[in-house]
């Protein structure tokens, strides 16, 4: 099961990377922010969480 998830995640990351341009410094900052956010959410981070976070929406909106 973990292997299948890793494959799907690799596909998703390649699709996103192919369609976006991000510099290495921004990517490293994003990685650090993601670590903090996943810790805050106790490992449960969904696509909806990512959309809310990127849009700057509050949890109760």
PDB file of N, CA and C in Angstrom:
ATOM      1  N   UNK A   1       0.821  -1.193   0.000  1.00  0.00           N
ATOM      2  CA  UNK A   1       0.000   0.000   0.000  1.00  0.00           C
ATOM      3  C   UNK A   1       0.871   1.266   0.000  1.00  0.00           C
ATOM      4  N   UNK A   2       1.912   1.295   0.814  1.00  0.00           N
ATOM      5  CA  UNK A   2       2.786   2.465   0.862  1.00  0.00           C
ATOM      6  C   UNK A   2       3.467   2.670  -0.491  1.00  0.00           C
ATOM      7  N   UNK A   3       3.856   1.575  -1.143  1.00  0.00           N
ATOM      8  CA  UNK A   3       4.482   1.684  -2.463  1.00  0.00           C
ATOM      9  C   UNK A   3       3.531   2.340  -3.462  1.00  0.00           C
ATOM     10  N   UNK A   4       2.271   1.906  -3.460  1.00  0.00           N
ATOM     11  CA  UNK A   4       1.285   2.480  -4.376  1.00  0.00           C
ATOM     12  C   UNK A   4       1.098   3.969  -4.108  1.00  0.00           C
ATOM     13  N   UNK A   5       1.049   4.346  -2.841  1.00  0.00           N
ATOM     14  CA  UNK A   5       0.915   5.760  -2.484  1.00  0.00           C
ATOM     15  C   UNK A   5       2.129   6.559  -2.941  1.00  0.00           C
ATOM     16  N   UNK A   6       3.312   5.978  -2.791  1.00  0.00           N
ATOM     17  CA  UNK A   6       4.535   6.657  -3.220  1.00  0.00           C
ATOM     18  C   UNK A   6       4.542   6.862  -4.734  1.00  0.00           C
ATOM     19  N   UNK A   7       4.069   5.873  -5.478  1.00  0.00           N
ATOM     20  CA  UNK A   7       3.997   5.997  -6.939  1.00  0.00           C
ATOM     21  C   UNK A   7       3.024   7.109  -7.316  1.00  0.00           C
ATOM     22  N   UNK A   8       1.855   7.116  -6.710  1.00  0.00           N
ATOM     23  CA  UNK A   8       0.864   8.151  -7.012  1.00  0.00           C
ATOM     24  C   UNK A   8       1.383   9.537  -6.639  1.00  0.00           C
ATOM     25  N   UNK A   9       2.079   9.634  -5.527  1.00  0.00           N
ATOM     26  CA  UNK A   9       2.646  10.907  -5.108  1.00  0.00           C
ATOM     27  C   UNK A   9       3.726  11.367  -6.089  1.00  0.00           C
ATOM     28  N   UNK A  10       4.538  10.443  -6.574  1.00  0.00           N
ATOM     29  CA  UNK A  10       5.572  10.782  -7.554  1.00  0.00           C
ATOM     30  C   UNK A  10       4.945  11.290  -8.845  1.00  0.00           C
ATOM     31  N   UNK A  11       3.865  10.656  -9.282  1.00  0.00           N
ATOM     32  CA  UNK A  11       3.159  11.113 -10.479  1.00  0.00           C
ATOM     33  C   UNK A  11       2.637  12.529 -10.256  1.00  0.00           C
ATOM     34  N   UNK A  12       1.974  12.746  -9.123  1.00  0.00           N
ATOM     35  CA  UNK A  12       1.414  14.053  -8.820  1.00  0.00           C
ATOM     36  C   UNK A  12       2.502  15.124  -8.760  1.00  0.00           C
ATOM     37  N   UNK A  13       3.615  14.830  -8.108  1.00  0.00           N
ATOM     38  CA  UNK A  13       4.697  15.805  -7.986  1.00  0.00           C
ATOM     39  C   UNK A  13       5.284  16.150  -9.349  1.00  0.00           C
ATOM     40  N   UNK A  14       5.415  15.162 -10.218  1.00  0.00           N
ATOM     41  CA  UNK A  14       5.949  15.428 -11.555  1.00  0.00           C
ATOM     42  C   UNK A  14       4.992  16.259 -12.394  1.00  0.00           C
ATOM     43  N   UNK A  15       3.697  16.012 -12.276  1.00  0.00           N
ATOM     44  CA  UNK A  15       2.713  16.821 -12.994  1.00  0.00           C
ATOM     45  C   UNK A  15       2.764  18.265 -12.499  1.00  0.00           C
ATOM     46  N   UNK A  16       2.800  18.452 -11.198  1.00  0.00           N
ATOM     47  CA  UNK A  16       2.859  19.802 -10.624  1.00  0.00           C
ATOM     48  C   UNK A  16       4.153  20.497 -11.033  1.00  0.00           C
ATOM     49  N   UNK A  17       5.276  19.798 -10.928  1.00  0.00           N
ATOM     50  CA  UNK A  17       6.574  20.391 -11.270  1.00  0.00           C
ATOM     51  C   UNK A  17       6.653  20.773 -12.746  1.00  0.00           C
ATOM     52  N   UNK A  18       6.044  19.969 -13.600  1.00  0.00           N
ATOM     53  CA  UNK A  18       6.090  20.247 -15.035  1.00  0.00           C
ATOM     54  C   UNK A  18       5.263  21.476 -15.408  1.00  0.00           C
ATOM     55  N   UNK A  19       4.301  21.813 -14.567  1.00  0.00           N
ATOM     56  CA  UNK A  19       3.382  22.905 -14.889  1.00  0.00           C
ATOM     57  C   UNK A  19       3.587  24.166 -14.059  1.00  0.00           C
ATOM     58  N   UNK A  20       4.611  24.185 -13.227  1.00  0.00           N
ATOM     59  CA  UNK A  20       4.874  25.344 -12.382  1.00  0.00           C
ATOM     60  C   UNK A  20       6.355  25.645 -12.357  1.00  0.00           C
ATOM     61  N   UNK A  21       6.641  26.904 -12.178  1.00  0.00           N
ATOM     62  CA  UNK A  21       8.047  27.272 -12.036  1.00  0.00           C
ATOM     63  C   UNK A  21       8.246  27.805 -10.623  1.00  0.00           C
ATOM     64  N   UNK A  22       9.175  27.221  -9.914  1.00  0.00           N
ATOM     65  CA  UNK A  22       9.464  27.629  -8.542  1.00  0.00           C
ATOM     66  C   UNK A  22      10.972  27.601  -8.365  1.00  0.00           C
ATOM     67  N   UNK A  23      11.496  28.640  -7.744  1.00  0.00           N
ATOM     68  CA  UNK A  23      12.946  28.680  -7.563  1.00  0.00           C
ATOM     69  C   UNK A  23      13.347  27.862  -6.337  1.00  0.00           C
ATOM     70  N   UNK A  24      14.599  27.433  -6.270  1.00  0.00           N
ATOM     71  CA  UNK A  24      15.053  26.562  -5.179  1.00  0.00           C
ATOM     72  C   UNK A  24      14.869  27.167  -3.784  1.00  0.00           C
ATOM     73  N   UNK A  25      15.044  28.469  -3.648  1.00  0.00           N
ATOM     74  CA  UNK A  25      14.884  29.104  -2.332  1.00  0.00           C
ATOM     75  C   UNK A  25      13.424  29.033  -1.885  1.00  0.00           C
ATOM     76  N   UNK A  26      12.510  29.333  -2.793  1.00  0.00           N
ATOM     77  CA  UNK A  26      11.083  29.257  -2.465  1.00  0.00           C
ATOM     78  C   UNK A  26      10.672  27.830  -2.139  1.00  0.00           C
ATOM     79  N   UNK A  27      11.214  26.875  -2.867  1.00  0.00           N
ATOM     80  CA  UNK A  27      10.902  25.472  -2.613  1.00  0.00           C
ATOM     81  C   UNK A  27      11.368  25.056  -1.224  1.00  0.00           C
ATOM     82  N   UNK A  28      12.557  25.482  -0.835  1.00  0.00           N
ATOM     83  CA  UNK A  28      13.072  25.131   0.491  1.00  0.00           C
ATOM     84  C   UNK A  28      12.230  25.775   1.589  1.00  0.00           C
ATOM     85  N   UNK A  29      11.828  27.019   1.388  1.00  0.00           N
ATOM     86  CA  UNK A  29      10.947  27.689   2.364  1.00  0.00           C
ATOM     87  C   UNK A  29       9.613  26.968   2.467  1.00  0.00           C
ATOM     88  N   UNK A  30       9.057  26.598   1.322  1.00  0.00           N
ATOM     89  CA  UNK A  30       7.787  25.882   1.308  1.00  0.00           C
ATOM     90  C   UNK A  30       7.905  24.558   2.049  1.00  0.00           C
ATOM     91  N   UNK A  31       9.005  23.854   1.837  1.00  0.00           N
ATOM     92  CA  UNK A  31       9.209  22.574   2.519  1.00  0.00           C
ATOM     93  C   UNK A  31       9.191  22.773   4.035  1.00  0.00           C
ATOM     94  N   UNK A  32       9.890  23.802   4.507  1.00  0.00           N
ATOM     95  CA  UNK A  32       9.907  24.090   5.946  1.00  0.00           C
ATOM     96  C   UNK A  32       8.527  24.428   6.480  1.00  0.00           C
ATOM     97  N   UNK A  33       7.777  25.236   5.728  1.00  0.00           N
ATOM     98  CA  UNK A  33       6.418  25.585   6.148  1.00  0.00           C
ATOM     99  C   UNK A  33       5.514  24.354   6.145  1.00  0.00           C
ATOM    100  N   UNK A  34       5.699  23.474   5.174  1.00  0.00           N
ATOM    101  CA  UNK A  34       4.903  22.240   5.120  1.00  0.00           C
ATOM    102  C   UNK A  34       5.191  21.345   6.317  1.00  0.00           C
ATOM    103  N   UNK A  35       6.454  21.260   6.707  1.00  0.00           N
ATOM    104  CA  UNK A  35       6.816  20.465   7.888  1.00  0.00           C
ATOM    105  C   UNK A  35       6.064  20.997   9.101  1.00  0.00           C
ATOM    106  N   UNK A  36       6.081  22.319   9.280  1.00  0.00           N
ATOM    107  CA  UNK A  36       5.384  22.920  10.427  1.00  0.00           C
ATOM    108  C   UNK A  36       3.880  22.662  10.367  1.00  0.00           C
ATOM    109  N   UNK A  37       3.301  22.804   9.179  1.00  0.00           N
ATOM    110  CA  UNK A  37       1.857  22.635   9.033  1.00  0.00           C
ATOM    111  C   UNK A  37       1.432  21.187   9.267  1.00  0.00           C
ATOM    112  N   UNK A  38       2.194  20.235   8.745  1.00  0.00           N
ATOM    113  CA  UNK A  38       1.863  18.822   8.952  1.00  0.00           C
ATOM    114  C   UNK A  38       2.001  18.457  10.429  1.00  0.00           C
ATOM    115  N   UNK A  39       3.019  19.000  11.094  1.00  0.00           N
ATOM    116  CA  UNK A  39       3.157  18.769  12.539  1.00  0.00           C
ATOM    117  C   UNK A  39       1.958  19.344  13.282  1.00  0.00           C
ATOM    118  N   UNK A  40       1.552  20.566  12.913  1.00  0.00           N
ATOM    119  CA  UNK A  40       0.422  21.219  13.577  1.00  0.00           C
ATOM    120  C   UNK A  40      -0.858  20.400  13.411  1.00  0.00           C
ATOM    121  N   UNK A  41      -1.018  19.793  12.240  1.00  0.00           N
ATOM    122  CA  UNK A  41      -2.213  18.999  11.958  1.00  0.00           C
ATOM    123  C   UNK A  41      -2.049  17.532  12.356  1.00  0.00           C
ATOM    124  N   UNK A  42      -0.957  17.233  13.048  1.00  0.00           N
ATOM    125  CA  UNK A  42      -0.700  15.872  13.536  1.00  0.00           C
ATOM    126  C   UNK A  42      -0.652  14.851  12.400  1.00  0.00           C
ATOM    127  N   UNK A  43      -0.033  15.239  11.281  1.00  0.00           N
ATOM    128  CA  UNK A  43       0.177  14.310  10.175  1.00  0.00           C
ATOM    129  C   UNK A  43      -0.989  14.172   9.224  1.00  0.00           C
ATOM    130  N   UNK A  44      -2.093  14.812   9.535  1.00  0.00           N
ATOM    131  CA  UNK A  44      -3.280  14.691   8.697  1.00  0.00           C
ATOM    132  C   UNK A  44      -3.433  15.949   7.853  1.00  0.00           C
ATOM    133  N   UNK A  45      -2.875  15.943   6.656  1.00  0.00           N
ATOM    134  CA  UNK A  45      -2.898  17.105   5.766  1.00  0.00           C
ATOM    135  C   UNK A  45      -3.577  16.702   4.476  1.00  0.00           C
ATOM    136  N   UNK A  46      -4.679  17.353   4.161  1.00  0.00           N
ATOM    137  CA  UNK A  46      -5.450  16.993   2.969  1.00  0.00           C
ATOM    138  C   UNK A  46      -5.272  18.038   1.869  1.00  0.00           C
ATOM    139  N   UNK A  47      -5.773  17.723   0.696  1.00  0.00           N
ATOM    140  CA  UNK A  47      -5.752  18.686  -0.399  1.00  0.00           C
ATOM    141  C   UNK A  47      -6.555  19.924  -0.015  1.00  0.00           C
ATOM    142  N   UNK A  48      -7.667  19.719   0.671  1.00  0.00           N
ATOM    143  CA  UNK A  48      -8.473  20.852   1.138  1.00  0.00           C
ATOM    144  C   UNK A  48      -7.666  21.745   2.072  1.00  0.00           C
ATOM    145  N   UNK A  49      -6.862  21.131   2.945  1.00  0.00           N
ATOM    146  CA  UNK A  49      -5.990  21.903   3.834  1.00  0.00           C
ATOM    147  C   UNK A  49      -5.003  22.733   3.018  1.00  0.00           C
ATOM    148  N   UNK A  50      -4.447  22.141   1.968  1.00  0.00           N
ATOM    149  CA  UNK A  50      -3.477  22.848   1.128  1.00  0.00           C
ATOM    150  C   UNK A  50      -4.129  24.036   0.426  1.00  0.00           C
ATOM    151  N   UNK A  51      -5.329  23.844  -0.091  1.00  0.00           N
ATOM    152  CA  UNK A  51      -6.038  24.940  -0.759  1.00  0.00           C
ATOM    153  C   UNK A  51      -6.298  26.068   0.232  1.00  0.00           C
ATOM    154  N   UNK A  52      -6.814  25.723   1.402  1.00  0.00           N
ATOM    155  CA  UNK A  52      -7.086  26.739   2.428  1.00  0.00           C
ATOM    156  C   UNK A  52      -5.821  27.474   2.823  1.00  0.00           C
ATOM    157  N   UNK A  53      -4.743  26.739   2.995  1.00  0.00           N
ATOM    158  CA  UNK A  53      -3.465  27.325   3.409  1.00  0.00           C
ATOM    159  C   UNK A  53      -2.930  28.259   2.325  1.00  0.00           C
ATOM    160  N   UNK A  54      -2.965  27.824   1.075  1.00  0.00           N
ATOM    161  CA  UNK A  54      -2.458  28.640  -0.026  1.00  0.00           C
ATOM    162  C   UNK A  54      -3.313  29.887  -0.259  1.00  0.00           C
ATOM    163  N   UNK A  55      -4.615  29.770  -0.025  1.00  0.00           N
ATOM    164  CA  UNK A  55      -5.514  30.910  -0.216  1.00  0.00           C
ATOM    165  C   UNK A  55      -5.537  31.836   0.999  1.00  0.00           C
ATOM    166  N   UNK A  56      -4.956  31.379   2.120  1.00  0.00           N
ATOM    167  CA  UNK A  56      -4.950  32.190   3.335  1.00  0.00           C
ATOM    168  C   UNK A  56      -6.281  32.188   4.064  1.00  0.00           C
ATOM    169  N   UNK A  57      -7.108  31.172   3.794  1.00  0.00           N
ATOM    170  CA  UNK A  57      -8.401  31.081   4.451  1.00  0.00           C
ATOM    171  C   UNK A  57      -8.218  30.618   5.884  1.00  0.00           C
ATOM    172  N   UNK A  58      -9.095  31.065   6.749  1.00  0.00           N
ATOM    173  CA  UNK A  58      -9.093  30.601   8.138  1.00  0.00           C
ATOM    174  C   UNK A  58      -9.780  29.245   8.197  1.00  0.00           C
ATOM    175  N   UNK A  59      -9.495  28.501   9.273  1.00  0.00           N
ATOM    176  CA  UNK A  59     -10.082  27.164   9.422  1.00  0.00           C
ATOM    177  C   UNK A  59     -11.599  27.200   9.496  1.00  0.00           C
ATOM    178  N   UNK A  60     -12.166  28.273  10.035  1.00  0.00           N
ATOM    179  CA  UNK A  60     -13.616  28.310  10.217  1.00  0.00           C
ATOM    180  C   UNK A  60     -14.353  28.987   9.063  1.00  0.00           C
ATOM    181  N   UNK A  61     -13.684  29.313   7.985  1.00  0.00           N
ATOM    182  CA  UNK A  61     -14.361  29.950   6.842  1.00  0.00           C
ATOM    183  C   UNK A  61     -15.022  28.916   5.970  1.00  0.00           C
TER     184      UNK A  61
END
